[in-house]
Amino acid sequence: MKKLMTFALCFAAIGSMSAQKANVDAAKKLSGNSDKISEARSLIQQAMENPETANDAQTYFIAGKIEFDAFDKDFSNSMINPANVDNIRMGENLLNGYNNFLKALPLSAVPNEKGKVDTKTPKNIVNIIKGHANDYFRAGADFFNGQKVYPEAYEAFIIYADLPEQDFMQGEKLEIPDADRGTAYFNAGLAAYSGNEIFKSADAFRKARNVGYDDKQAYVYEIACWQVAAQRDSTMEETAKEKILEVAEQGYKKFGMEEPVFINNIVNFLVTDEKYDEAVAKVTELINENPDNAGLYGLRGFVYDRKGDDEASVNDYRKAVSFEEVDFETLKNAGKKIYRAGADKWNSIEGNSEAARAARMDVKTNYFEAAKAIADRAKSQKADDSDLDYLIENIDYALTTFFN
């Protein structure tokens, strides 16, 4: 009786396996038939969920092929009547097809009961993916334009840009220009950032840099990602510092003073490490090479301020604002420093002697009124900065209160 039951169980298992293989075969036959795609997906989903066929490479190969065939059908239709084709759906087909193929590839490397390895399936997968490589870039753009920024646009752009370096593509002639890959990585970085995935975003911008993407914004945005990471998690501060410094140094090497954020970050980290003399020397060298750069004088003024050399800091900030072409942040920082230095001088003046009164008038003219003029210039560049408004309030209070 036990033997009879054992045989019955074996037959039941064989019957189950046979049924699931039949589902795979049926799904394969329906693939490419747009009217039957839902049925094909249902059949293959059953096979993927059944233990008997869940680890079979053919299951996932057919699942992927269903999606690619659906894309191909829609693509052909788009050549005739683009208005009747859903580009978002086509992109989703590409993503689903690729992900299923990725599951099929390692399973195809497992020897069967006869010890043979499936070599046909991987070749078919590679050929299909290679033939659709450029479609992933277009899908990324379609997702982006269709407000499917993350994860859809991100994944499509990453797949496209990563393809030449995928293990399964080695030895294949897949020519994707590095310039196009760089653009795709950059777009993926933007997409991931919009999805609040800052580490994926930073990695995408890093990859864009590494394939020679020429837009400095890839460097700037990668730095921004690590700044956000440090702000969100204090345990990330040291890692973020290392990453930012690496990107800033490469950015400065490539773009020089074209983008101040690179040298600003480099110098800021020297200041953070209290390497004031090294920071001063570095900025001074740049000033000698770029004597008309207002931002560099402001940067050295910042270093002197942190070092505690108020006089040198004020002098550099005055020099910075003497240039007509001076940026908002330099103006604001100069106004702050000169006002604070004036307040310190005011507080140190004692008595009402002629010398004391002259010293107070010097503070009024050369510090408070000078700071007010600088702040007003900054206000003309950016009218809605609350930090600047607070500075102006303090200066106005000093001018109207201290000299009545």
Protein backbone atom coordinates (compact mmCIF):
# COMPACT_ATOMS: atom_id res chain seq x y z
CA MET A 1 0.00 0.00 0.00
CA LYS A 2 2.86 2.36 0.86
CA LYS A 3 4.49 1.60 -2.49
CA LEU A 4 1.23 2.30 -4.26
CA MET A 5 0.94 5.66 -2.50
CA THR A 6 4.56 6.48 -3.33
CA PHE A 7 3.96 5.78 -7.01
CA ALA A 8 0.81 7.84 -6.87
CA LEU A 9 2.73 10.80 -5.46
CA CYS A 10 5.42 10.45 -8.12
CA PHE A 11 2.82 10.40 -10.87
CA ALA A 12 1.19 13.46 -9.35
CA ALA A 13 4.51 15.33 -9.33
CA ILE A 14 5.24 14.32 -12.91
CA GLY A 15 1.76 15.41 -13.87
CA SER A 16 2.30 18.78 -12.22
CA MET A 17 5.63 19.29 -13.96
CA SER A 18 4.14 18.27 -17.26
CA ALA A 19 1.30 20.74 -16.81
CA GLN A 20 3.71 23.60 -16.08
CA LYS A 21 5.93 22.75 -19.04
CA ALA A 22 2.78 22.76 -21.13
CA ASN A 23 2.10 26.27 -19.83
CA VAL A 24 5.58 27.36 -20.90
CA ASP A 25 5.09 25.85 -24.36
CA ALA A 26 1.67 27.43 -24.70
CA ALA A 27 2.99 30.84 -23.64
CA LYS A 28 5.80 30.47 -26.18
CA LYS A 29 3.28 29.89 -28.97
CA LEU A 30 1.22 32.90 -27.92
CA SER A 31 4.25 35.21 -27.75
CA GLY A 32 4.03 37.87 -30.43
CA ASN A 33 0.25 37.66 -30.66
CA SER A 34 -0.84 41.04 -29.32
CA ASP A 35 -4.39 39.81 -28.79
CA LYS A 36 -3.14 36.98 -26.58
CA ILE A 37 -0.42 38.73 -24.58
CA SER A 38 -2.44 38.73 -21.34
CA GLU A 39 -3.04 35.00 -21.69
CA ALA A 40 0.65 34.39 -22.45
CA ARG A 41 1.69 36.36 -19.39
CA SER A 42 -0.78 34.48 -17.22
CA LEU A 43 0.51 31.11 -18.36
CA ILE A 44 4.16 32.00 -17.87
CA GLN A 45 3.42 33.56 -14.48
CA GLN A 46 1.97 30.22 -13.36
CA ALA A 47 5.15 28.50 -14.48
CA MET A 48 7.34 31.02 -12.63
CA GLU A 49 5.36 30.48 -9.44
CA ASN A 50 5.45 26.69 -9.60
CA PRO A 51 8.48 25.05 -7.92
CA GLU A 52 8.75 22.55 -10.76
CA THR A 53 9.50 25.19 -13.40
CA ALA A 54 10.51 28.20 -11.31
CA ASN A 55 14.19 27.37 -11.75
CA ASP A 56 14.07 26.56 -15.44
CA ALA A 57 15.90 28.97 -17.74
CA GLN A 58 13.30 28.45 -20.45
CA THR A 59 10.58 29.76 -18.16
CA TYR A 60 12.25 33.15 -17.84
CA PHE A 61 13.49 33.17 -21.41
CA ILE A 62 9.94 32.79 -22.67
CA ALA A 63 8.72 35.35 -20.10
CA GLY A 64 11.27 37.81 -21.44
CA LYS A 65 10.55 37.00 -25.06
CA ILE A 66 6.85 37.66 -24.54
CA GLU A 67 7.74 41.20 -23.50
CA PHE A 68 10.22 41.82 -26.32
CA ASP A 69 7.78 40.41 -28.88
CA ALA A 70 5.10 42.75 -27.54
CA PHE A 71 7.51 45.67 -27.88
CA ASP A 72 8.40 44.66 -31.44
CA LYS A 73 4.73 44.46 -32.38
CA ASP A 74 4.04 47.92 -31.01
CA PHE A 75 7.19 49.30 -32.60
CA SER A 76 6.07 48.04 -36.01
CA ASN A 77 2.67 49.62 -35.47
CA SER A 78 4.31 52.92 -34.48
CA MET A 79 5.90 53.10 -37.92
CA ILE A 80 2.40 53.10 -39.42
CA ASN A 81 0.37 55.06 -36.86
CA PRO A 82 2.42 56.50 -33.95
CA ALA A 83 -0.66 58.00 -32.30
CA ASN A 84 -2.08 54.54 -31.56
CA VAL A 85 1.01 53.32 -29.70
CA ASP A 86 1.63 53.69 -25.96
CA ASN A 87 5.32 54.56 -25.56
CA ILE A 88 5.19 54.05 -21.80
CA ARG A 89 3.84 50.53 -22.25
CA MET A 90 6.55 49.81 -24.79
CA GLY A 91 9.20 50.95 -22.30
CA GLU A 92 7.71 48.75 -19.60
CA ASN A 93 7.87 45.80 -21.99
CA LEU A 94 11.59 46.45 -22.49
CA LEU A 95 12.26 46.63 -18.76
CA ASN A 96 10.24 43.48 -18.02
CA GLY A 97 11.89 41.59 -20.85
CA TYR A 98 15.38 42.55 -19.73
CA ASN A 99 14.74 41.62 -16.10
CA ASN A 100 13.37 38.21 -17.06
CA PHE A 101 16.37 37.56 -19.30
CA LEU A 102 18.68 38.41 -16.41
CA LYS A 103 16.99 35.65 -14.42
CA ALA A 104 17.29 33.19 -17.29
CA LEU A 105 21.03 33.69 -17.87
CA PRO A 106 22.42 32.15 -14.64
CA LEU A 107 19.86 29.33 -14.78
CA SER A 108 20.96 28.43 -18.31
CA ALA A 109 24.48 27.87 -16.97
CA VAL A 110 23.28 25.08 -14.65
CA PRO A 111 23.90 21.59 -16.18
CA ASN A 112 20.77 19.54 -16.87
CA GLU A 113 20.18 15.98 -15.77
CA LYS A 114 22.49 14.83 -18.56
CA GLY A 115 25.25 17.19 -17.48
CA LYS A 116 24.84 19.49 -20.47
CA VAL A 117 24.78 23.27 -20.27
CA ASP A 118 22.32 25.28 -22.33
CA THR A 119 24.35 27.46 -24.74
CA LYS A 120 21.53 28.31 -27.12
CA THR A 121 19.43 30.35 -24.69
CA PRO A 122 22.24 32.77 -23.68
CA LYS A 123 23.03 33.41 -27.35
CA ASN A 124 19.40 34.15 -28.08
CA ILE A 125 19.19 36.46 -25.09
CA VAL A 126 22.31 38.40 -26.07
CA ASN A 127 21.14 38.79 -29.65
CA ILE A 128 17.72 40.08 -28.58
CA ILE A 129 19.10 42.54 -26.05
CA LYS A 130 21.79 43.74 -28.44
CA GLY A 131 19.18 44.33 -31.11
CA HIS A 132 17.18 46.50 -28.71
CA ALA A 133 20.09 48.41 -27.12
CA ASN A 134 19.18 51.82 -28.54
CA ASP A 135 15.53 51.28 -27.66
CA TYR A 136 16.44 51.57 -23.98
CA PHE A 137 17.74 55.12 -24.43
CA ARG A 138 14.53 56.09 -26.23
CA ALA A 139 12.49 54.39 -23.54
CA GLY A 140 14.32 56.40 -20.87
CA ALA A 141 13.41 59.61 -22.68
CA ASP A 142 9.80 58.49 -23.07
CA PHE A 143 9.57 57.64 -19.38
CA PHE A 144 11.09 60.99 -18.45
CA ASN A 145 8.67 62.90 -20.65
CA GLY A 146 5.79 60.80 -19.33
CA GLN A 147 6.61 61.65 -15.70
CA LYS A 148 7.79 58.10 -15.03
CA VAL A 149 11.13 59.41 -13.85
CA TYR A 150 11.97 56.92 -11.10
CA PRO A 151 12.43 54.03 -11.26
CA GLU A 152 11.38 53.61 -14.91
CA ALA A 153 13.48 56.28 -16.67
CA TYR A 154 16.41 55.59 -14.34
CA GLU A 155 16.38 51.85 -15.10
CA ALA A 156 16.09 52.32 -18.86
CA PHE A 157 19.00 54.75 -19.01
CA ILE A 158 21.16 52.60 -16.73
CA ILE A 159 20.49 49.45 -18.77
CA TYR A 160 21.50 51.27 -21.95
CA ALA A 161 24.68 52.76 -20.52
CA ASP A 162 25.77 49.62 -18.64
CA LEU A 163 25.30 47.21 -21.56
CA PRO A 164 28.85 47.30 -22.99
CA GLU A 165 30.28 46.36 -19.57
CA GLN A 166 27.85 43.57 -18.75
CA ASP A 167 29.48 40.15 -18.45
CA PHE A 168 27.06 38.58 -20.90
CA MET A 169 28.01 41.18 -23.52
CA GLN A 170 31.74 40.52 -23.42
CA GLY A 171 33.04 39.44 -26.79
CA GLU A 172 30.04 40.96 -28.54
CA LYS A 173 30.31 43.84 -30.98
CA LEU A 174 28.09 46.35 -29.25
CA GLU A 175 29.17 49.84 -30.21
CA ILE A 176 27.65 52.47 -27.97
CA PRO A 177 29.65 55.72 -28.06
CA ASP A 178 30.95 56.85 -24.69
CA ALA A 179 29.35 60.25 -25.30
CA ASP A 180 25.94 58.59 -25.53
CA ARG A 181 26.62 56.43 -22.49
CA GLY A 182 27.68 59.53 -20.57
CA THR A 183 24.44 61.28 -21.46
CA ALA A 184 22.45 58.22 -20.37
CA TYR A 185 24.28 58.00 -17.05
CA PHE A 186 23.75 61.72 -16.47
CA ASN A 187 20.02 61.38 -17.18
CA ALA A 188 19.88 58.36 -14.87
CA GLY A 189 21.50 60.46 -12.14
CA LEU A 190 18.85 63.14 -12.52
CA ALA A 191 16.11 60.51 -12.46
CA ALA A 192 17.44 58.82 -9.33
CA TYR A 193 17.83 62.16 -7.56
CA SER A 194 14.21 63.02 -8.30
CA GLY A 195 13.31 59.68 -6.74
CA ASN A 196 15.29 60.57 -3.60
CA GLU A 197 17.80 57.80 -4.33
CA ILE A 198 20.88 59.91 -3.72
CA PHE A 199 23.40 57.04 -3.69
CA LYS A 200 22.15 55.67 -7.00
CA SER A 201 22.19 59.22 -8.29
CA ALA A 202 25.78 59.82 -7.17
CA ASP A 203 26.87 56.52 -8.72
CA ALA A 204 25.24 57.39 -12.04
CA PHE A 205 26.97 60.78 -12.12
CA ARG A 206 30.25 59.04 -11.24
CA LYS A 207 29.80 56.67 -14.15
CA ALA A 208 29.05 59.61 -16.43
CA ARG A 209 32.35 61.20 -15.41
CA ASN A 210 34.25 57.98 -15.90
CA VAL A 211 33.15 57.60 -19.52
CA GLY A 212 34.24 61.16 -20.26
CA TYR A 213 31.00 63.09 -19.97
CA ASP A 214 32.02 66.68 -20.63
CA ASP A 215 29.29 68.58 -18.78
CA LYS A 216 30.60 70.00 -15.50
CA GLN A 217 27.13 69.58 -14.01
CA ALA A 218 27.78 65.84 -13.63
CA TYR A 219 30.55 66.76 -11.18
CA VAL A 220 28.51 69.45 -9.45
CA TYR A 221 25.48 67.18 -9.00
CA GLU A 222 27.58 64.31 -7.69
CA ILE A 223 29.02 66.65 -5.07
CA ALA A 224 25.47 67.76 -4.21
CA CYS A 225 24.44 64.12 -3.68
CA TRP A 226 27.20 63.53 -1.13
CA GLN A 227 26.44 66.82 0.61
CA VAL A 228 22.85 65.65 1.04
CA ALA A 229 24.07 62.27 2.30
CA ALA A 230 26.18 63.94 4.99
CA GLN A 231 23.31 66.21 6.02
CA ARG A 232 20.94 63.28 6.40
CA ASP A 233 23.28 60.95 8.24
CA SER A 234 26.16 62.19 10.39
CA THR A 235 27.86 58.79 10.12
CA MET A 236 28.29 59.48 6.40
CA GLU A 237 30.26 62.70 6.92
CA GLU A 238 33.74 61.22 6.51
CA THR A 239 32.77 59.13 3.49
CA ALA A 240 31.00 62.11 1.95
CA LYS A 241 34.06 64.28 2.54
CA GLU A 242 36.29 61.79 0.72
CA LYS A 243 33.88 61.52 -2.18
CA ILE A 244 33.37 65.27 -2.49
CA LEU A 245 37.11 65.93 -2.37
CA GLU A 246 37.75 63.32 -5.06
CA VAL A 247 35.12 64.80 -7.38
CA ALA A 248 36.17 68.39 -6.64
CA GLU A 249 39.81 67.65 -7.45
CA GLN A 250 38.89 65.94 -10.71
CA GLY A 251 36.47 68.73 -11.55
CA TYR A 252 39.07 71.40 -10.86
CA LYS A 253 41.65 69.49 -12.92
CA LYS A 254 39.25 69.33 -15.87
CA PHE A 255 37.47 72.69 -15.68
CA GLY A 256 39.80 74.89 -13.62
CA MET A 257 38.21 78.14 -12.46
CA GLU A 258 35.33 77.76 -14.91
CA GLU A 259 33.28 76.33 -12.04
CA PRO A 260 34.21 77.82 -8.61
CA VAL A 261 32.44 75.08 -6.65
CA PHE A 262 35.40 72.75 -7.19
CA ILE A 263 38.13 74.95 -5.73
CA ASN A 264 35.72 76.17 -3.04
CA ASN A 265 35.21 72.60 -1.81
CA ILE A 266 38.92 71.81 -1.92
CA VAL A 267 39.78 74.89 0.12
CA ASN A 268 36.87 74.34 2.49
CA PHE A 269 38.19 70.90 3.42
CA LEU A 270 41.64 72.35 4.07
CA VAL A 271 40.00 74.85 6.40
CA THR A 272 37.94 72.11 8.05
CA ASP A 273 41.20 70.27 8.75
CA GLU A 274 42.66 73.56 10.09
CA LYS A 275 45.30 73.65 7.36
CA TYR A 276 44.93 77.41 7.09
CA ASP A 277 48.38 78.23 5.75
CA GLU A 278 48.09 75.59 3.05
CA ALA A 279 44.67 76.95 2.10
CA VAL A 280 45.97 80.54 1.97
CA ALA A 281 48.94 79.48 -0.14
CA LYS A 282 46.73 77.60 -2.59
CA VAL A 283 44.29 80.49 -3.04
CA THR A 284 47.10 83.04 -3.25
CA GLU A 285 48.69 81.05 -6.06
CA LEU A 286 45.37 81.10 -7.91
CA ILE A 287 44.96 84.83 -7.31
CA ASN A 288 48.39 85.43 -8.83
CA GLU A 289 47.23 83.51 -11.89
CA ASN A 290 43.79 85.16 -11.92
CA PRO A 291 44.24 88.65 -10.42
CA ASP A 292 40.83 89.88 -11.60
CA ASN A 293 38.80 87.04 -10.08
CA ALA A 294 36.59 88.50 -7.34
CA GLY A 295 35.56 85.07 -6.07
CA LEU A 296 39.14 84.10 -5.26
CA TYR A 297 39.63 87.17 -3.06
CA GLY A 298 36.37 86.29 -1.33
CA LEU A 299 37.59 82.72 -0.88
CA ARG A 300 40.84 83.86 0.70
CA GLY A 301 38.85 86.26 2.85
CA PHE A 302 36.87 83.23 4.07
CA VAL A 303 40.09 81.36 4.91
CA TYR A 304 41.52 84.32 6.84
CA ASP A 305 38.22 84.66 8.70
CA ARG A 306 38.36 81.03 9.84
CA LYS A 307 42.01 81.45 10.72
CA GLY A 308 41.11 84.41 12.93
CA ASP A 309 42.98 87.05 10.93
CA ASP A 310 40.22 89.67 10.77
CA GLU A 311 42.25 92.43 9.16
CA ALA A 312 43.44 90.23 6.29
CA SER A 313 39.94 88.86 5.86
CA VAL A 314 38.35 92.32 5.67
CA ASN A 315 41.00 93.49 3.21
CA ASP A 316 40.37 90.56 0.90
CA TYR A 317 36.62 91.00 1.04
CA ARG A 318 37.00 94.72 0.25
CA LYS A 319 39.15 93.78 -2.71
CA ALA A 320 36.58 91.20 -3.85
CA VAL A 321 33.71 93.69 -3.89
CA SER A 322 35.80 96.29 -5.71
CA PHE A 323 35.22 94.32 -8.91
CA GLU A 324 32.09 95.03 -10.89
CA GLU A 325 31.68 91.34 -11.71
CA VAL A 326 31.20 89.85 -8.26
CA ASP A 327 28.74 87.10 -7.38
CA PHE A 328 25.93 87.25 -4.84
CA GLU A 329 27.49 84.92 -2.25
CA THR A 330 30.76 86.87 -2.22
CA LEU A 331 28.85 90.12 -1.75
CA LYS A 332 26.78 88.68 1.08
CA ASN A 333 29.79 87.15 2.84
CA ALA A 334 31.75 90.39 2.44
CA GLY A 335 28.86 92.37 3.95
CA LYS A 336 28.67 89.97 6.88
CA LYS A 337 32.39 90.03 7.58
CA ILE A 338 32.80 93.81 7.33
CA TYR A 339 29.73 94.39 9.53
CA ARG A 340 30.95 91.92 12.18
CA ALA A 341 34.44 93.41 12.13
CA GLY A 342 32.90 96.86 12.58
CA ALA A 343 30.77 95.65 15.49
CA ASP A 344 33.87 94.22 17.18
CA LYS A 345 35.72 97.49 16.72
CA TRP A 346 32.74 99.44 18.06
CA ASN A 347 32.58 97.30 21.18
CA SER A 348 36.30 97.81 21.82
CA ILE A 349 36.11 101.64 21.78
CA GLU A 350 35.93 103.18 25.26
CA GLY A 351 35.33 106.70 26.50
CA ASN A 352 34.33 109.84 24.64
CA SER A 353 37.66 111.36 23.77
CA GLU A 354 38.28 112.93 20.40
CA ALA A 355 40.19 109.80 19.37
CA ALA A 356 37.28 107.61 20.49
CA ARG A 357 34.77 109.71 18.56
CA ALA A 358 36.98 109.57 15.47
CA ALA A 359 37.26 105.80 15.85
CA ARG A 360 33.47 105.50 16.05
CA MET A 361 33.03 107.60 12.91
CA ASP A 362 35.56 105.38 11.15
CA VAL A 363 33.46 102.35 12.11
CA LYS A 364 30.33 104.05 10.84
CA THR A 365 31.81 105.04 7.50
CA ASN A 366 34.22 102.25 6.69
CA TYR A 367 32.40 99.34 8.24
CA PHE A 368 28.66 99.79 8.82
CA GLU A 369 27.95 102.06 5.83
CA ALA A 370 30.38 100.08 3.68
CA ALA A 371 28.66 96.85 4.70
CA LYS A 372 25.26 98.39 3.95
CA ALA A 373 26.37 99.39 0.44
CA ILE A 374 27.68 95.89 -0.18
CA ALA A 375 24.48 94.30 1.14
CA ASP A 376 22.39 96.55 -1.09
CA ARG A 377 24.40 95.38 -4.10
CA ALA A 378 23.71 91.79 -3.09
CA LYS A 379 20.03 92.63 -2.67
CA SER A 380 19.90 93.90 -6.24
CA GLN A 381 21.12 90.49 -7.41
CA LYS A 382 18.82 88.42 -5.22
CA ALA A 383 15.92 90.14 -3.51
CA ASP A 384 14.47 87.22 -1.55
CA ASP A 385 17.34 85.93 0.56
CA SER A 386 16.31 85.81 4.23
CA ASP A 387 19.91 85.59 5.45
CA LEU A 388 20.74 88.80 3.60
CA ASP A 389 17.61 90.48 4.93
CA TYR A 390 18.70 89.66 8.49
CA LEU A 391 22.12 91.19 7.81
CA ILE A 392 20.57 94.39 6.45
CA GLU A 393 18.29 94.65 9.51
CA ASN A 394 21.32 94.43 11.82
CA ILE A 395 23.25 97.05 9.86
CA ASP A 396 20.27 99.43 9.80
CA TYR A 397 19.80 98.96 13.54
CA ALA A 398 23.46 99.82 14.19
CA LEU A 399 23.34 102.91 11.98
CA THR A 400 20.13 104.26 13.49
CA THR A 401 20.85 103.33 17.11
CA PHE A 402 24.60 103.83 17.68
CA PHE A 403 24.89 107.29 16.14
CA ASN A 404 21.91 109.20 17.52
